[in-house]
């Protein structure tokens, strides 16, 4: 998608973590891989919004709340952003919205990104989580 002054806006999956019921801050897998690592932006520009999707892996899954952290040396003087989320109840119980998953957006982020400076993503869940999945997606601009 073309933006102002010829810049481009794109969406990319930054992080994921499947089935890990982590109760201490734990680094997530980069992009769509199954390996822990830093997310590398596709181009210099800005991270303009973040989408967090939390979903169950099994009928016994549970993830009531938690937060993610995103860290980059490109962000100064505060290089860590903390974003809380609420999750879902026991997956066998009826869920209010989005079926058995929850989705949260953090808009108007406007943080600079550079492919030379990766972004670290970590997650923690509270209150006895059981096999939740999380995906973190970013919307970026190249201008």
N, C-alpha and C. Protein backbone atom coordinates (compact mmCIF):
# COMPACT_ATOMS: atom_id res chain seq x y z
N UNK A 1 0.85 -1.17 0.00
CA UNK A 1 0.00 0.00 0.00
C UNK A 1 0.90 1.23 0.00
N UNK A 2 0.63 2.16 -0.88
CA UNK A 2 1.43 3.38 -0.95
C UNK A 2 0.88 4.40 0.03
N UNK A 3 1.79 5.10 0.68
CA UNK A 3 1.41 6.09 1.66
C UNK A 3 1.76 7.49 1.15
N UNK A 4 1.85 8.43 2.07
CA UNK A 4 2.20 9.82 1.74
C UNK A 4 3.61 9.88 1.17
N UNK A 5 3.84 10.82 0.31
CA UNK A 5 5.14 11.08 -0.30
C UNK A 5 5.80 9.81 -0.85
N UNK A 6 5.02 8.87 -1.37
CA UNK A 6 5.58 7.69 -1.99
C UNK A 6 6.04 6.61 -1.02
N UNK A 7 5.86 6.82 0.27
CA UNK A 7 6.24 5.79 1.23
C UNK A 7 5.28 4.61 1.17
N UNK A 8 5.67 3.52 1.76
CA UNK A 8 4.85 2.31 1.72
C UNK A 8 4.45 1.90 3.14
N UNK A 9 3.25 1.36 3.28
CA UNK A 9 2.78 0.80 4.54
C UNK A 9 2.67 -0.71 4.35
N UNK A 10 3.21 -1.47 5.29
CA UNK A 10 3.13 -2.93 5.18
C UNK A 10 2.87 -3.54 6.56
N UNK A 11 2.34 -4.76 6.54
CA UNK A 11 2.06 -5.52 7.76
C UNK A 11 2.96 -6.74 7.76
N UNK A 12 3.52 -7.06 8.93
CA UNK A 12 4.40 -8.22 9.03
C UNK A 12 4.22 -8.86 10.40
N UNK A 13 4.27 -10.18 10.43
CA UNK A 13 4.25 -10.87 11.72
C UNK A 13 5.61 -10.71 12.36
N UNK A 14 5.61 -10.17 13.57
CA UNK A 14 6.87 -9.91 14.28
C UNK A 14 7.28 -11.10 15.15
N UNK A 15 6.32 -11.66 15.89
CA UNK A 15 6.63 -12.70 16.87
C UNK A 15 5.50 -13.71 16.99
N UNK A 16 5.83 -14.87 17.56
CA UNK A 16 4.84 -15.88 17.90
C UNK A 16 5.40 -16.73 19.04
N UNK A 17 4.52 -17.38 19.75
CA UNK A 17 4.90 -18.38 20.74
C UNK A 17 3.69 -19.28 20.93
N UNK A 18 3.86 -20.56 20.66
CA UNK A 18 2.74 -21.50 20.68
C UNK A 18 2.84 -22.47 21.84
N UNK A 19 1.77 -22.55 22.62
CA UNK A 19 1.65 -23.58 23.63
C UNK A 19 2.53 -23.43 24.86
N UNK A 20 3.27 -22.35 24.96
CA UNK A 20 4.16 -22.18 26.11
C UNK A 20 3.45 -21.36 27.18
N UNK A 21 3.19 -21.98 28.30
CA UNK A 21 2.51 -21.32 29.41
C UNK A 21 3.56 -20.66 30.31
N UNK A 22 4.17 -19.58 29.81
CA UNK A 22 5.29 -18.95 30.51
C UNK A 22 4.80 -18.02 31.60
N UNK A 23 5.36 -18.17 32.79
CA UNK A 23 5.00 -17.33 33.92
C UNK A 23 6.16 -16.45 34.36
N UNK A 24 7.19 -16.40 33.55
CA UNK A 24 8.26 -15.40 33.71
C UNK A 24 8.52 -14.84 32.32
N UNK A 25 9.00 -13.62 32.25
CA UNK A 25 9.19 -12.96 30.97
C UNK A 25 10.10 -13.82 30.08
N UNK A 26 9.59 -14.23 28.92
CA UNK A 26 10.26 -15.18 28.03
C UNK A 26 10.29 -14.63 26.61
N UNK A 27 11.45 -14.72 25.97
CA UNK A 27 11.58 -14.22 24.60
C UNK A 27 10.75 -15.07 23.65
N UNK A 28 10.08 -14.39 22.70
CA UNK A 28 9.22 -15.07 21.72
C UNK A 28 10.03 -15.45 20.47
N UNK A 29 9.42 -16.31 19.66
CA UNK A 29 10.01 -16.70 18.38
C UNK A 29 9.88 -15.56 17.39
N UNK A 30 10.89 -15.40 16.53
CA UNK A 30 10.89 -14.33 15.54
C UNK A 30 10.01 -14.71 14.35
N UNK A 31 9.31 -13.72 13.80
CA UNK A 31 8.46 -13.87 12.62
C UNK A 31 7.53 -15.07 12.78
N UNK A 32 7.55 -15.98 11.81
CA UNK A 32 6.69 -17.17 11.85
C UNK A 32 7.50 -18.41 12.20
N UNK A 33 8.75 -18.22 12.60
CA UNK A 33 9.63 -19.37 12.88
C UNK A 33 9.32 -19.99 14.24
N UNK A 34 9.96 -21.11 14.49
CA UNK A 34 9.86 -21.79 15.78
C UNK A 34 11.12 -21.55 16.60
N UNK A 35 11.91 -20.54 16.20
CA UNK A 35 13.18 -20.26 16.87
C UNK A 35 13.13 -18.88 17.52
N UNK A 36 13.60 -18.81 18.76
CA UNK A 36 13.70 -17.54 19.47
C UNK A 36 14.66 -16.64 18.70
N UNK A 37 14.31 -15.38 18.57
CA UNK A 37 15.20 -14.46 17.88
C UNK A 37 14.62 -13.07 17.81
N UNK A 38 15.40 -12.16 17.23
CA UNK A 38 14.99 -10.78 17.06
C UNK A 38 14.19 -10.65 15.76
N UNK A 39 13.22 -9.76 15.77
CA UNK A 39 12.50 -9.42 14.55
C UNK A 39 13.32 -8.37 13.81
N UNK A 40 13.49 -8.56 12.51
CA UNK A 40 14.20 -7.61 11.67
C UNK A 40 13.19 -6.92 10.75
N UNK A 41 13.00 -5.60 10.90
CA UNK A 41 12.09 -4.89 10.01
C UNK A 41 12.55 -5.02 8.56
N UNK A 42 11.61 -4.95 7.62
CA UNK A 42 11.92 -5.09 6.21
C UNK A 42 12.61 -3.86 5.63
N UNK A 43 12.41 -2.70 6.30
CA UNK A 43 12.94 -1.45 5.78
C UNK A 43 13.06 -0.45 6.92
N UNK A 44 13.86 0.60 6.70
CA UNK A 44 13.87 1.72 7.65
C UNK A 44 12.50 2.38 7.59
N UNK A 45 12.07 2.92 8.70
CA UNK A 45 10.78 3.60 8.74
C UNK A 45 10.27 3.70 10.16
N UNK A 46 8.98 3.41 10.33
CA UNK A 46 8.34 3.49 11.65
C UNK A 46 7.39 2.32 11.86
N UNK A 47 7.35 1.84 13.09
CA UNK A 47 6.33 0.90 13.54
C UNK A 47 5.15 1.78 13.94
N UNK A 48 4.02 1.63 13.24
CA UNK A 48 2.91 2.55 13.49
C UNK A 48 1.77 1.94 14.30
N UNK A 49 1.67 0.60 14.34
CA UNK A 49 0.69 -0.03 15.22
C UNK A 49 1.10 -1.48 15.49
N UNK A 50 0.56 -2.02 16.58
CA UNK A 50 0.87 -3.39 17.00
C UNK A 50 -0.44 -4.11 17.27
N UNK A 51 -0.55 -5.34 16.78
CA UNK A 51 -1.72 -6.18 17.01
C UNK A 51 -1.26 -7.41 17.80
N UNK A 52 -1.93 -7.70 18.91
CA UNK A 52 -1.63 -8.89 19.72
C UNK A 52 -2.82 -9.82 19.62
N UNK A 53 -2.58 -11.07 19.22
CA UNK A 53 -3.64 -12.07 19.13
C UNK A 53 -3.30 -13.22 20.08
N UNK A 54 -4.20 -13.49 21.00
CA UNK A 54 -4.01 -14.56 21.98
C UNK A 54 -5.12 -15.58 21.74
N UNK A 55 -4.75 -16.85 21.59
CA UNK A 55 -5.74 -17.88 21.29
C UNK A 55 -5.37 -19.19 21.99
N UNK A 56 -6.35 -20.07 22.18
CA UNK A 56 -6.07 -21.36 22.82
C UNK A 56 -5.48 -22.36 21.83
N UNK A 57 -4.72 -23.30 22.36
CA UNK A 57 -4.19 -24.38 21.54
C UNK A 57 -5.05 -25.64 21.68
N UNK A 58 -5.71 -25.78 22.82
CA UNK A 58 -6.49 -26.98 23.10
C UNK A 58 -7.73 -26.60 23.92
N UNK A 59 -8.63 -27.54 24.09
CA UNK A 59 -9.84 -27.29 24.87
C UNK A 59 -9.52 -26.94 26.32
N UNK A 60 -8.38 -27.37 26.81
CA UNK A 60 -7.98 -27.11 28.19
C UNK A 60 -7.16 -25.83 28.33
N UNK A 61 -6.97 -25.08 27.24
CA UNK A 61 -6.16 -23.87 27.27
C UNK A 61 -6.80 -22.78 28.12
N UNK A 62 -5.94 -21.94 28.70
CA UNK A 62 -6.37 -20.84 29.56
C UNK A 62 -5.29 -19.78 29.54
N UNK A 63 -5.66 -18.53 29.32
CA UNK A 63 -4.71 -17.41 29.39
C UNK A 63 -5.49 -16.17 29.78
N UNK A 64 -5.50 -15.86 31.07
CA UNK A 64 -6.36 -14.79 31.55
C UNK A 64 -5.81 -13.40 31.30
N UNK A 65 -4.49 -13.21 31.42
CA UNK A 65 -3.90 -11.90 31.15
C UNK A 65 -2.39 -12.02 31.09
N UNK A 66 -1.76 -10.96 30.67
CA UNK A 66 -0.31 -10.93 30.60
C UNK A 66 0.14 -9.64 29.96
N UNK A 67 1.39 -9.61 29.53
CA UNK A 67 1.88 -8.48 28.76
C UNK A 67 3.04 -8.91 27.89
N UNK A 68 3.28 -8.12 26.84
CA UNK A 68 4.46 -8.32 26.02
C UNK A 68 5.37 -7.12 26.22
N UNK A 69 6.65 -7.34 25.98
CA UNK A 69 7.59 -6.23 25.91
C UNK A 69 8.26 -6.27 24.55
N UNK A 70 8.46 -5.11 23.98
CA UNK A 70 9.21 -4.94 22.75
C UNK A 70 10.39 -4.04 23.09
N UNK A 71 11.59 -4.47 22.70
CA UNK A 71 12.81 -3.74 23.05
C UNK A 71 13.66 -3.52 21.81
N UNK A 72 14.14 -2.29 21.62
CA UNK A 72 15.04 -1.98 20.52
C UNK A 72 15.95 -0.82 20.90
N UNK A 73 17.20 -0.91 20.49
CA UNK A 73 18.13 0.20 20.74
C UNK A 73 17.80 1.40 19.87
N UNK A 74 16.93 1.24 18.88
CA UNK A 74 16.49 2.37 18.05
C UNK A 74 15.59 3.32 18.82
N UNK A 75 15.04 2.86 19.93
CA UNK A 75 14.11 3.68 20.70
C UNK A 75 14.85 4.26 21.90
N UNK A 76 15.08 5.54 21.87
CA UNK A 76 15.80 6.19 22.96
C UNK A 76 15.00 7.40 23.41
N UNK A 77 15.03 7.73 24.67
CA UNK A 77 15.80 7.10 25.73
C UNK A 77 15.12 5.88 26.35
N UNK A 78 13.84 5.65 26.04
CA UNK A 78 13.14 4.50 26.62
C UNK A 78 13.11 3.41 25.56
N UNK A 79 13.92 2.35 25.74
CA UNK A 79 14.05 1.36 24.68
C UNK A 79 13.16 0.13 24.86
N UNK A 80 12.33 0.09 25.90
CA UNK A 80 11.41 -1.02 26.10
C UNK A 80 9.98 -0.51 26.21
N UNK A 81 9.11 -1.08 25.42
CA UNK A 81 7.68 -0.76 25.46
C UNK A 81 6.96 -1.97 26.07
N UNK A 82 6.10 -1.73 27.06
CA UNK A 82 5.35 -2.80 27.72
C UNK A 82 3.87 -2.64 27.37
N UNK A 83 3.28 -3.73 26.84
CA UNK A 83 1.90 -3.67 26.36
C UNK A 83 1.09 -4.78 27.03
N UNK A 84 0.17 -4.44 27.93
CA UNK A 84 -0.65 -5.45 28.59
C UNK A 84 -1.77 -5.96 27.70
N UNK A 85 -2.26 -7.16 28.00
CA UNK A 85 -3.41 -7.71 27.29
C UNK A 85 -4.21 -8.57 28.25
N UNK A 86 -5.51 -8.69 27.98
CA UNK A 86 -6.32 -9.68 28.68
C UNK A 86 -6.45 -10.86 27.73
N UNK A 87 -6.67 -12.03 28.27
CA UNK A 87 -6.69 -13.24 27.46
C UNK A 87 -8.08 -13.82 27.35
N UNK A 88 -8.15 -15.12 27.61
CA UNK A 88 -9.42 -15.84 27.48
C UNK A 88 -9.55 -16.81 28.64
N UNK A 89 -10.79 -17.18 28.94
CA UNK A 89 -11.04 -18.16 29.98
C UNK A 89 -10.77 -19.57 29.46
N UNK A 90 -11.14 -20.54 30.22
CA UNK A 90 -10.97 -21.93 29.83
C UNK A 90 -11.62 -22.14 28.47
N UNK A 91 -10.89 -22.72 27.53
CA UNK A 91 -11.34 -22.80 26.14
C UNK A 91 -12.61 -23.63 25.96
N UNK A 92 -12.93 -24.50 26.89
CA UNK A 92 -14.16 -25.28 26.77
C UNK A 92 -15.39 -24.48 27.15
N UNK A 93 -15.20 -23.35 27.85
CA UNK A 93 -16.32 -22.51 28.26
C UNK A 93 -16.68 -21.55 27.13
N UNK A 94 -17.94 -21.10 27.08
CA UNK A 94 -18.32 -20.11 26.05
C UNK A 94 -17.49 -18.84 26.22
N UNK A 95 -17.04 -18.28 25.12
CA UNK A 95 -16.22 -17.08 25.13
C UNK A 95 -17.04 -15.91 24.60
N UNK A 96 -16.81 -14.70 25.12
CA UNK A 96 -17.62 -13.55 24.71
C UNK A 96 -17.42 -13.17 23.24
N UNK A 97 -16.28 -12.67 22.89
CA UNK A 97 -16.02 -12.18 21.52
C UNK A 97 -14.91 -12.98 20.88
N UNK A 98 -14.88 -12.99 19.56
CA UNK A 98 -13.82 -13.63 18.79
C UNK A 98 -13.71 -15.13 19.04
N UNK A 99 -14.78 -15.79 19.43
CA UNK A 99 -14.70 -17.22 19.71
C UNK A 99 -13.81 -17.47 20.90
N UNK A 100 -12.77 -18.28 20.72
CA UNK A 100 -11.87 -18.60 21.83
C UNK A 100 -10.56 -17.82 21.77
N UNK A 101 -10.53 -16.70 21.12
CA UNK A 101 -9.30 -15.92 21.04
C UNK A 101 -9.59 -14.45 21.27
N UNK A 102 -8.57 -13.71 21.57
CA UNK A 102 -8.70 -12.27 21.80
C UNK A 102 -7.69 -11.55 20.93
N UNK A 103 -8.05 -10.35 20.50
CA UNK A 103 -7.18 -9.56 19.65
C UNK A 103 -7.14 -8.13 20.20
N UNK A 104 -5.94 -7.56 20.29
CA UNK A 104 -5.76 -6.23 20.85
C UNK A 104 -4.87 -5.43 19.94
N UNK A 105 -5.22 -4.17 19.72
CA UNK A 105 -4.42 -3.29 18.87
C UNK A 105 -3.89 -2.12 19.69
N UNK A 106 -2.66 -1.77 19.44
CA UNK A 106 -2.03 -0.58 20.03
C UNK A 106 -1.72 0.32 18.85
N UNK A 107 -2.48 1.40 18.72
CA UNK A 107 -2.38 2.29 17.56
C UNK A 107 -1.49 3.49 17.85
N UNK A 108 -1.11 4.20 16.79
CA UNK A 108 -0.33 5.43 16.89
C UNK A 108 0.97 5.26 17.67
N UNK A 109 1.66 4.18 17.41
CA UNK A 109 2.89 3.85 18.12
C UNK A 109 4.03 4.78 17.68
N UNK A 110 4.26 4.86 16.37
CA UNK A 110 5.24 5.77 15.77
C UNK A 110 6.65 5.62 16.34
N UNK A 111 7.15 4.39 16.38
CA UNK A 111 8.52 4.13 16.84
C UNK A 111 9.42 3.88 15.64
N UNK A 112 10.62 4.48 15.62
CA UNK A 112 11.52 4.27 14.48
C UNK A 112 12.01 2.82 14.42
N UNK A 113 12.17 2.30 13.20
CA UNK A 113 12.72 0.95 13.01
C UNK A 113 13.80 1.00 11.95
N UNK A 114 14.74 0.06 12.06
CA UNK A 114 15.87 -0.03 11.15
C UNK A 114 16.26 -1.50 11.06
N UNK A 115 16.42 -2.04 9.84
CA UNK A 115 16.81 -3.45 9.72
C UNK A 115 18.12 -3.80 10.44
N UNK A 116 18.98 -2.81 10.64
CA UNK A 116 20.25 -3.05 11.33
C UNK A 116 20.06 -3.17 12.84
N UNK A 117 18.89 -2.76 13.34
CA UNK A 117 18.62 -2.79 14.79
C UNK A 117 17.38 -3.64 15.03
N UNK A 118 17.56 -4.89 15.37
CA UNK A 118 16.45 -5.80 15.59
C UNK A 118 15.59 -5.42 16.77
N UNK A 119 14.42 -6.02 16.84
CA UNK A 119 13.48 -5.81 17.94
C UNK A 119 13.31 -7.13 18.68
N UNK A 120 13.46 -7.09 19.99
CA UNK A 120 13.27 -8.28 20.83
C UNK A 120 11.85 -8.25 21.38
N UNK A 121 11.16 -9.38 21.30
CA UNK A 121 9.81 -9.49 21.84
C UNK A 121 9.75 -10.57 22.91
N UNK A 122 9.14 -10.23 24.04
CA UNK A 122 8.99 -11.18 25.15
C UNK A 122 7.55 -11.16 25.64
N UNK A 123 7.16 -12.24 26.31
CA UNK A 123 5.79 -12.36 26.81
C UNK A 123 5.80 -13.00 28.19
N UNK A 124 4.79 -12.66 28.98
CA UNK A 124 4.53 -13.32 30.26
C UNK A 124 3.02 -13.39 30.43
N UNK A 125 2.55 -14.53 30.97
CA UNK A 125 1.13 -14.71 31.30
C UNK A 125 0.99 -14.81 32.81
N UNK A 126 -0.19 -14.42 33.32
CA UNK A 126 -0.45 -14.48 34.75
C UNK A 126 -1.56 -15.49 35.05
N UNK A 127 -1.68 -15.90 36.29
CA UNK A 127 -2.79 -16.70 36.80
C UNK A 127 -2.91 -18.07 36.15
N UNK A 128 -1.87 -18.87 36.24
CA UNK A 128 -1.87 -20.28 35.84
C UNK A 128 -2.27 -20.52 34.38
N UNK A 129 -1.52 -19.99 33.42
CA UNK A 129 -1.87 -20.22 32.02
C UNK A 129 -1.67 -21.68 31.61
N UNK A 130 -2.44 -22.11 30.62
CA UNK A 130 -2.33 -23.47 30.07
C UNK A 130 -2.35 -23.37 28.54
N UNK A 131 -1.28 -23.74 27.90
CA UNK A 131 -1.08 -23.83 26.44
C UNK A 131 -1.74 -22.72 25.61
N UNK A 132 -1.42 -21.44 25.89
CA UNK A 132 -1.92 -20.38 25.02
C UNK A 132 -0.99 -20.19 23.81
N UNK A 133 -1.54 -19.62 22.76
CA UNK A 133 -0.77 -19.19 21.59
C UNK A 133 -0.81 -17.67 21.53
N UNK A 134 0.28 -17.06 21.08
CA UNK A 134 0.28 -15.61 20.89
C UNK A 134 0.97 -15.29 19.57
N UNK A 135 0.42 -14.31 18.88
CA UNK A 135 1.01 -13.78 17.65
C UNK A 135 1.03 -12.26 17.78
N UNK A 136 2.17 -11.65 17.43
CA UNK A 136 2.30 -10.21 17.47
C UNK A 136 2.60 -9.74 16.04
N UNK A 137 1.75 -8.87 15.54
CA UNK A 137 1.87 -8.35 14.18
C UNK A 137 2.08 -6.86 14.23
N UNK A 138 2.93 -6.34 13.37
CA UNK A 138 3.16 -4.89 13.30
C UNK A 138 2.73 -4.32 11.98
N UNK A 139 2.30 -3.07 12.00
CA UNK A 139 2.05 -2.32 10.77
C UNK A 139 3.14 -1.25 10.71
N UNK A 140 3.83 -1.20 9.59
CA UNK A 140 5.01 -0.36 9.44
C UNK A 140 4.83 0.62 8.29
N UNK A 141 5.56 1.71 8.35
CA UNK A 141 5.63 2.65 7.23
C UNK A 141 7.09 2.85 6.87
N UNK A 142 7.34 3.10 5.59
CA UNK A 142 8.71 3.33 5.12
C UNK A 142 9.01 4.82 4.99
N UNK A 143 8.14 5.67 5.53
CA UNK A 143 8.38 7.11 5.45
C UNK A 143 8.41 7.72 6.82
